[in-house]
Amino acid sequence: MTLKVAVQMDPIEHINIDGDTTFQMMLAAQGRGFELFVYTPDRLALENGSVTARGRPCKVQPVKGDHVSFGPWDAVDLAEYDVVLLRQDPPFDLAYISTTHFLERIHPKTLVVNNPIEVRNAPEKLFVTGFPGVQPPTIITSDHEAIYDFRARHGDIVLKPLYGGGGSGVARLMADDPNLDAMLDLHAMIGREPVIAQKFIPAVSKGDKRIILVDGEPVGAINRVPNPGQIRSNLRVGGRAEAVDLTERDRELCAIIGPELKARGLLFVGIDVIGDYLTEINVTSPTGVVPLKRFTGVDAVEIMWDRIVELRG
């Protein structure tokens, strides 16, 4: 089967191909003979019910500094494509949400991965709250007094922006840390959204496990270990990837959320697990396939494309 694939992403010219999951998706698609077209979110347009994107056909290769070549600029009707990969990075702001409204017009006739309606309805740090018993103690609020009360009850906490990504803005605050007011004021200056406070999990020093699920089924995991003295283990902020096996608790967590992911059309998902707790369900632009393949041999991207071909067949 030959598919026409459009990729909505941040500028491909600037990515780091060594670890970029979207680039691996494109390489695998090209290896199957699929046509590739790439565009940035600001090039989407909605007119008279039609969704178009101005971008370029492209070819990719795993060569640093020469990883992409383009055809001529063109405005295409996305309804004429088989698949759209929704892959721009957070922040999950109104610009991001607007693209999901546009892409909703063409899905599922054109298969959007992930389903744009459910991407919009499942913000990563909110979605996980719908599964009782899987999270550490957590509060989401703009009420400073509520956060102070939460810290008084739980001791050390981790504070993070509700719609951030990549570890940005994540900070640990001790039970007696005098900087909580300053941190809350800083978040309020950045935006009006609530913040998340979670009970600090000491097991984070041993790593933050990223588990990749395809159509609700776990395919493998890596462990992301923070630098000494740090709590952020995201690879883009200096975390180190290492091999890890799925535990019985990991499989239990996947079994709890997997059916809901499948039902919602969230085809390619990355979840974050610290110790026995699920902290996030990443549905926007999950990463981790490169170290997963390096350490385990599992190619999550090829598994994803196999499933897409089945759905398009």
Protein backbone atom coordinates (compact mmCIF):
# COMPACT_ATOMS: atom_id res chain seq x y z
CA MET A 1 0.00 0.00 0.00
CA THR A 2 1.23 3.49 -0.89
CA LEU A 3 0.08 6.30 1.38
CA LYS A 4 0.20 10.06 1.05
CA VAL A 5 1.45 11.39 4.37
CA ALA A 6 1.43 15.03 5.50
CA VAL A 7 3.47 15.96 8.57
CA GLN A 8 2.54 18.96 10.72
CA MET A 9 5.60 19.84 12.77
CA ASP A 10 7.98 22.57 13.85
CA PRO A 11 10.51 23.52 11.13
CA ILE A 12 12.19 20.29 10.04
CA GLU A 13 15.35 22.20 9.08
CA HIS A 14 16.13 22.83 12.76
CA ILE A 15 15.56 19.42 14.33
CA ASN A 16 18.25 17.23 15.89
CA ILE A 17 17.96 14.09 13.81
CA ASP A 18 19.89 11.99 16.36
CA GLY A 19 16.90 11.76 18.66
CA ASP A 20 13.90 13.22 16.87
CA THR A 21 10.92 10.84 16.85
CA THR A 22 9.06 12.66 14.05
CA PHE A 23 12.11 12.33 11.81
CA GLN A 24 12.16 8.58 12.49
CA MET A 25 8.47 8.40 11.57
CA MET A 26 9.23 10.14 8.28
CA LEU A 27 12.24 7.91 7.52
CA ALA A 28 10.14 4.80 8.09
CA ALA A 29 7.28 6.13 5.96
CA GLN A 30 9.68 6.95 3.13
CA GLY A 31 11.22 3.48 3.45
CA ARG A 32 7.78 2.01 2.77
CA GLY A 33 7.42 4.09 -0.38
CA PHE A 34 4.98 6.61 1.12
CA GLU A 35 4.88 10.17 -0.19
CA LEU A 36 5.87 12.87 2.32
CA PHE A 37 4.65 16.46 2.55
CA VAL A 38 5.74 18.70 5.43
CA TYR A 39 4.32 21.97 6.74
CA THR A 40 4.35 24.07 9.90
CA PRO A 41 1.18 24.77 11.93
CA ASP A 42 1.04 28.43 10.91
CA ARG A 43 0.57 27.33 7.28
CA LEU A 44 -2.81 25.70 7.93
CA ALA A 45 -5.90 27.38 6.47
CA LEU A 46 -9.65 26.77 6.74
CA GLU A 47 -11.81 28.12 3.92
CA ASN A 48 -15.36 27.11 2.96
CA GLY A 49 -15.00 23.92 4.98
CA SER A 50 -11.75 22.87 3.27
CA VAL A 51 -8.50 22.49 5.22
CA THR A 52 -5.37 23.32 3.28
CA ALA A 53 -1.71 23.48 4.21
CA ARG A 54 1.07 25.37 2.46
CA GLY A 55 4.25 23.35 2.54
CA ARG A 56 6.58 21.24 0.47
CA PRO A 57 7.00 17.62 -0.58
CA CYS A 58 10.22 16.31 0.88
CA LYS A 59 12.70 13.48 1.10
CA VAL A 60 14.67 12.70 4.25
CA GLN A 61 17.95 10.97 4.95
CA PRO A 62 19.92 10.29 8.16
CA VAL A 63 22.74 12.72 7.32
CA LYS A 64 23.46 15.55 9.74
CA GLY A 65 23.28 18.94 8.08
CA ASP A 66 21.74 17.43 4.95
CA HIS A 67 18.78 15.53 6.38
CA VAL A 68 16.00 16.96 4.21
CA SER A 69 15.47 18.07 0.62
CA PHE A 70 12.36 19.82 -0.62
CA GLY A 71 10.20 20.04 -3.68
CA PRO A 72 8.43 23.28 -4.63
CA TRP A 73 6.07 25.10 -2.29
CA ASP A 74 2.44 24.16 -2.76
CA ALA A 75 -0.92 24.56 -1.02
CA VAL A 76 -2.57 21.15 -0.74
CA ASP A 77 -6.02 19.98 0.34
CA LEU A 78 -5.37 17.75 3.35
CA ALA A 79 -8.57 15.82 2.63
CA GLU A 80 -6.69 14.33 -0.33
CA TYR A 81 -4.08 12.78 1.98
CA ASP A 82 -4.30 9.41 3.68
CA VAL A 83 -2.55 10.36 6.90
CA VAL A 84 -1.63 13.54 8.76
CA LEU A 85 0.91 13.26 11.57
CA LEU A 86 0.14 15.90 14.21
CA ARG A 87 3.63 16.35 15.64
CA GLN A 88 4.43 19.92 16.62
CA ASP A 89 5.83 20.33 20.11
CA PRO A 90 3.94 21.93 23.00
CA PRO A 91 3.19 24.41 24.57
CA PHE A 92 -0.41 23.32 24.37
CA ASP A 93 -1.77 26.81 23.88
CA LEU A 94 -4.61 28.32 21.85
CA ALA A 95 -2.51 28.16 18.68
CA TYR A 96 -2.07 24.42 19.22
CA ILE A 97 -5.75 23.96 20.05
CA SER A 98 -6.75 25.87 16.90
CA THR A 99 -4.91 23.35 14.72
CA THR A 100 -6.90 20.53 16.30
CA HIS A 101 -10.15 22.30 15.33
CA PHE A 102 -8.90 22.59 11.74
CA LEU A 103 -7.77 18.96 11.52
CA GLU A 104 -11.00 17.74 13.07
CA ARG A 105 -12.68 18.71 9.77
CA ILE A 106 -10.76 16.03 7.84
CA HIS A 107 -10.51 13.22 10.42
CA PRO A 108 -11.12 10.26 10.20
CA LYS A 109 -11.44 10.19 6.38
CA THR A 110 -7.90 11.44 6.50
CA LEU A 111 -6.43 9.64 9.51
CA VAL A 112 -4.92 12.19 11.86
CA VAL A 113 -2.43 10.68 14.31
CA ASN A 114 -3.30 11.39 17.04
CA ASN A 115 -7.05 12.03 16.74
CA PRO A 116 -7.19 15.86 16.98
CA ILE A 117 -10.45 15.89 18.93
CA GLU A 118 -8.97 13.69 21.63
CA VAL A 119 -5.63 15.53 21.64
CA ARG A 120 -7.66 18.62 22.44
CA ASN A 121 -9.73 16.80 25.05
CA ALA A 122 -6.82 15.03 26.74
CA PRO A 123 -4.23 17.58 27.94
CA GLU A 124 -1.37 15.49 29.17
CA LYS A 125 -1.31 16.46 32.83
CA LEU A 126 -5.12 16.61 33.09
CA PHE A 127 -5.97 13.43 31.21
CA VAL A 128 -4.14 11.26 33.75
CA THR A 129 -6.39 12.53 36.57
CA GLY A 130 -9.27 10.55 35.07
CA PHE A 131 -7.72 7.26 36.21
CA PRO A 132 -8.08 6.99 40.01
CA GLY A 133 -5.17 5.52 41.92
CA VAL A 134 -2.49 5.85 39.27
CA GLN A 135 -1.05 9.27 40.23
CA PRO A 136 0.92 10.51 43.21
CA PRO A 137 -1.02 13.02 45.34
CA THR A 138 -1.73 15.92 42.98
CA ILE A 139 -3.49 19.28 42.98
CA ILE A 140 -4.21 21.51 39.96
CA THR A 141 -5.16 25.06 40.84
CA SER A 142 -4.39 28.78 40.67
CA ASP A 143 -5.25 29.18 44.35
CA HIS A 144 -2.03 29.89 46.26
CA GLU A 145 -3.58 29.01 49.60
CA ALA A 146 -4.65 25.63 48.28
CA ILE A 147 -1.09 24.90 47.16
CA TYR A 148 0.28 25.95 50.55
CA ASP A 149 -2.21 23.64 52.24
CA PHE A 150 -1.26 20.82 49.86
CA ARG A 151 2.44 21.26 50.70
CA ALA A 152 1.65 21.32 54.42
CA ARG A 153 -0.03 17.94 54.03
CA HIS A 154 2.50 16.29 51.70
CA GLY A 155 5.90 17.87 52.39
CA ASP A 156 8.27 18.28 49.45
CA ILE A 157 6.42 19.00 46.20
CA VAL A 158 7.13 19.38 42.52
CA LEU A 159 5.60 22.43 40.84
CA LYS A 160 5.08 22.49 37.07
CA PRO A 161 3.11 24.39 34.44
CA LEU A 162 -0.10 22.67 33.41
CA TYR A 163 0.47 23.02 29.66
CA GLY A 164 4.27 22.98 29.44
CA GLY A 165 6.47 20.30 27.93
CA GLY A 166 9.99 18.95 27.84
CA GLY A 167 10.61 19.59 31.53
CA SER A 168 10.30 23.36 31.15
CA GLY A 169 9.34 25.17 34.35
CA VAL A 170 9.51 22.08 36.58
CA ALA A 171 10.91 22.73 40.07
CA ARG A 172 11.16 20.86 43.37
CA LEU A 173 10.21 22.85 46.47
CA MET A 174 11.06 21.54 49.92
CA ALA A 175 8.48 21.54 52.69
CA ASP A 176 10.02 24.72 54.16
CA ASP A 177 11.25 26.33 50.92
CA PRO A 178 10.64 30.09 51.11
CA ASN A 179 10.51 30.43 47.31
CA LEU A 180 7.03 29.02 46.80
CA ASP A 181 5.42 32.48 46.60
CA ALA A 182 8.01 33.64 44.08
CA MET A 183 7.50 30.55 41.93
CA LEU A 184 3.73 30.94 41.97
CA ASP A 185 4.07 34.64 41.06
CA LEU A 186 6.36 33.68 38.16
CA HIS A 187 3.83 31.18 36.81
CA ALA A 188 1.09 33.81 37.13
CA MET A 189 3.19 36.27 35.10
CA ILE A 190 3.63 33.73 32.33
CA GLY A 191 -0.08 32.93 31.95
CA ARG A 192 -3.47 32.61 33.60
CA GLU A 193 -3.52 28.81 33.59
CA PRO A 194 -3.51 26.78 36.80
CA VAL A 195 -0.34 25.03 37.92
CA ILE A 196 0.24 21.47 39.01
CA ALA A 197 1.68 20.54 42.38
CA GLN A 198 2.57 16.91 43.07
CA LYS A 199 3.99 15.16 46.10
CA PHE A 200 7.71 14.66 45.44
CA ILE A 201 8.55 11.03 44.63
CA PRO A 202 12.08 10.15 45.81
CA ALA A 203 12.21 7.34 43.22
CA VAL A 204 12.75 10.02 40.54
CA SER A 205 16.47 9.87 41.38
CA LYS A 206 16.45 6.38 39.85
CA GLY A 207 14.75 7.65 36.71
CA ASP A 208 11.55 8.58 34.96
CA LYS A 209 10.37 5.71 32.77
CA ARG A 210 8.98 6.52 29.31
CA ILE A 211 6.70 3.77 28.02
CA ILE A 212 5.55 3.87 24.40
CA LEU A 213 2.07 2.55 23.58
CA VAL A 214 0.74 1.94 20.08
CA ASP A 215 -3.05 1.72 19.81
CA GLY A 216 -3.30 1.15 23.55
CA GLU A 217 -0.67 -1.59 23.79
CA PRO A 218 2.78 -1.10 25.40
CA VAL A 219 5.63 -1.84 23.01
CA GLY A 220 8.61 -1.00 25.22
CA ALA A 221 10.22 1.41 27.64
CA ILE A 222 13.36 3.38 28.40
CA ASN A 223 14.50 4.90 31.65
CA ARG A 224 15.46 8.59 31.68
CA VAL A 225 17.86 9.32 34.54
CA PRO A 226 18.37 12.89 35.76
CA ASN A 227 21.81 14.35 36.33
CA PRO A 228 23.03 14.19 39.95
CA GLY A 229 21.16 16.69 42.09
CA GLN A 230 18.47 17.26 39.45
CA ILE A 231 14.86 16.09 39.24
CA ARG A 232 14.21 16.73 35.54
CA SER A 233 15.05 13.64 33.52
CA ASN A 234 13.78 14.79 30.09
CA LEU A 235 16.39 14.02 27.46
CA ARG A 236 16.22 17.54 26.05
CA VAL A 237 17.33 19.00 29.40
CA GLY A 238 20.22 16.63 29.98
CA GLY A 239 18.63 13.41 31.19
CA ARG A 240 20.41 10.16 30.31
CA ALA A 241 18.59 7.27 28.65
CA GLU A 242 19.20 3.70 29.75
CA ALA A 243 17.67 0.28 29.19
CA VAL A 244 14.84 -0.85 31.45
CA ASP A 245 12.28 -3.64 31.57
CA LEU A 246 8.55 -3.24 32.04
CA THR A 247 7.56 -4.18 35.58
CA GLU A 248 4.32 -5.79 36.69
CA ARG A 249 3.16 -2.37 37.91
CA ASP A 250 4.01 -0.80 34.53
CA ARG A 251 1.88 -3.38 32.76
CA GLU A 252 -0.91 -2.82 35.26
CA LEU A 253 -0.87 0.92 34.54
CA CYS A 254 -0.91 0.27 30.77
CA ALA A 255 -3.84 -2.11 31.17
CA ILE A 256 -5.76 0.58 33.07
CA ILE A 257 -5.31 3.31 30.45
CA GLY A 258 -4.83 1.29 27.25
CA PRO A 259 -8.49 0.65 26.39
CA GLU A 260 -9.28 4.35 26.78
CA LEU A 261 -6.37 5.34 24.52
CA LYS A 262 -7.59 2.92 21.85
CA ALA A 263 -11.20 4.08 22.14
CA ARG A 264 -10.15 7.70 21.71
CA GLY A 265 -7.95 7.07 18.66
CA LEU A 266 -4.79 8.05 20.52
CA LEU A 267 -2.62 5.80 18.40
CA PHE A 268 0.89 6.84 19.44
CA VAL A 269 1.32 7.72 23.12
CA GLY A 270 4.16 8.03 25.61
CA ILE A 271 3.47 7.73 29.32
CA ASP A 272 5.79 8.76 32.16
CA VAL A 273 6.13 6.51 35.20
CA ILE A 274 8.10 7.29 38.37
CA GLY A 275 8.28 4.41 40.81
CA ASP A 276 4.74 3.03 41.03
CA TYR A 277 3.07 6.21 39.78
CA LEU A 278 1.88 7.41 36.39
CA THR A 279 2.61 11.15 36.14
CA GLU A 280 1.74 12.08 32.53
CA ILE A 281 0.04 10.69 29.42
CA ASN A 282 1.76 12.36 26.46
CA VAL A 283 -0.50 12.56 23.40
CA THR A 284 0.73 15.65 21.55
CA SER A 285 4.22 14.81 20.32
CA PRO A 286 5.62 11.92 22.39
CA THR A 287 9.28 11.02 21.94
CA GLY A 288 11.66 8.25 22.93
CA VAL A 289 11.73 5.87 19.96
CA VAL A 290 15.44 6.30 19.18
CA PRO A 291 16.82 5.12 22.55
CA LEU A 292 14.08 2.49 22.72
CA LYS A 293 15.31 0.94 19.48
CA ARG A 294 18.96 1.33 20.49
CA PHE A 295 18.55 -0.43 23.82
CA THR A 296 15.87 -3.01 23.04
CA GLY A 297 15.69 -3.42 19.27
CA VAL A 298 11.98 -2.56 19.40
CA ASP A 299 11.04 -0.24 16.53
CA ALA A 300 7.93 1.56 17.81
CA VAL A 301 7.70 3.60 14.62
CA GLU A 302 7.43 0.54 12.39
CA ILE A 303 4.81 -0.90 14.75
CA MET A 304 2.89 2.37 14.43
CA TRP A 305 3.02 2.30 10.62
CA ASP A 306 1.91 -1.36 10.57
CA ARG A 307 -1.15 -0.34 12.56
CA ILE A 308 -1.84 2.69 10.35
CA VAL A 309 -1.69 0.49 7.24
CA GLU A 310 -4.20 -1.87 8.86
CA LEU A 311 -6.52 1.05 9.61
CA ARG A 312 -6.19 2.43 6.07
CA GLY A 313 -6.52 -0.96 4.41
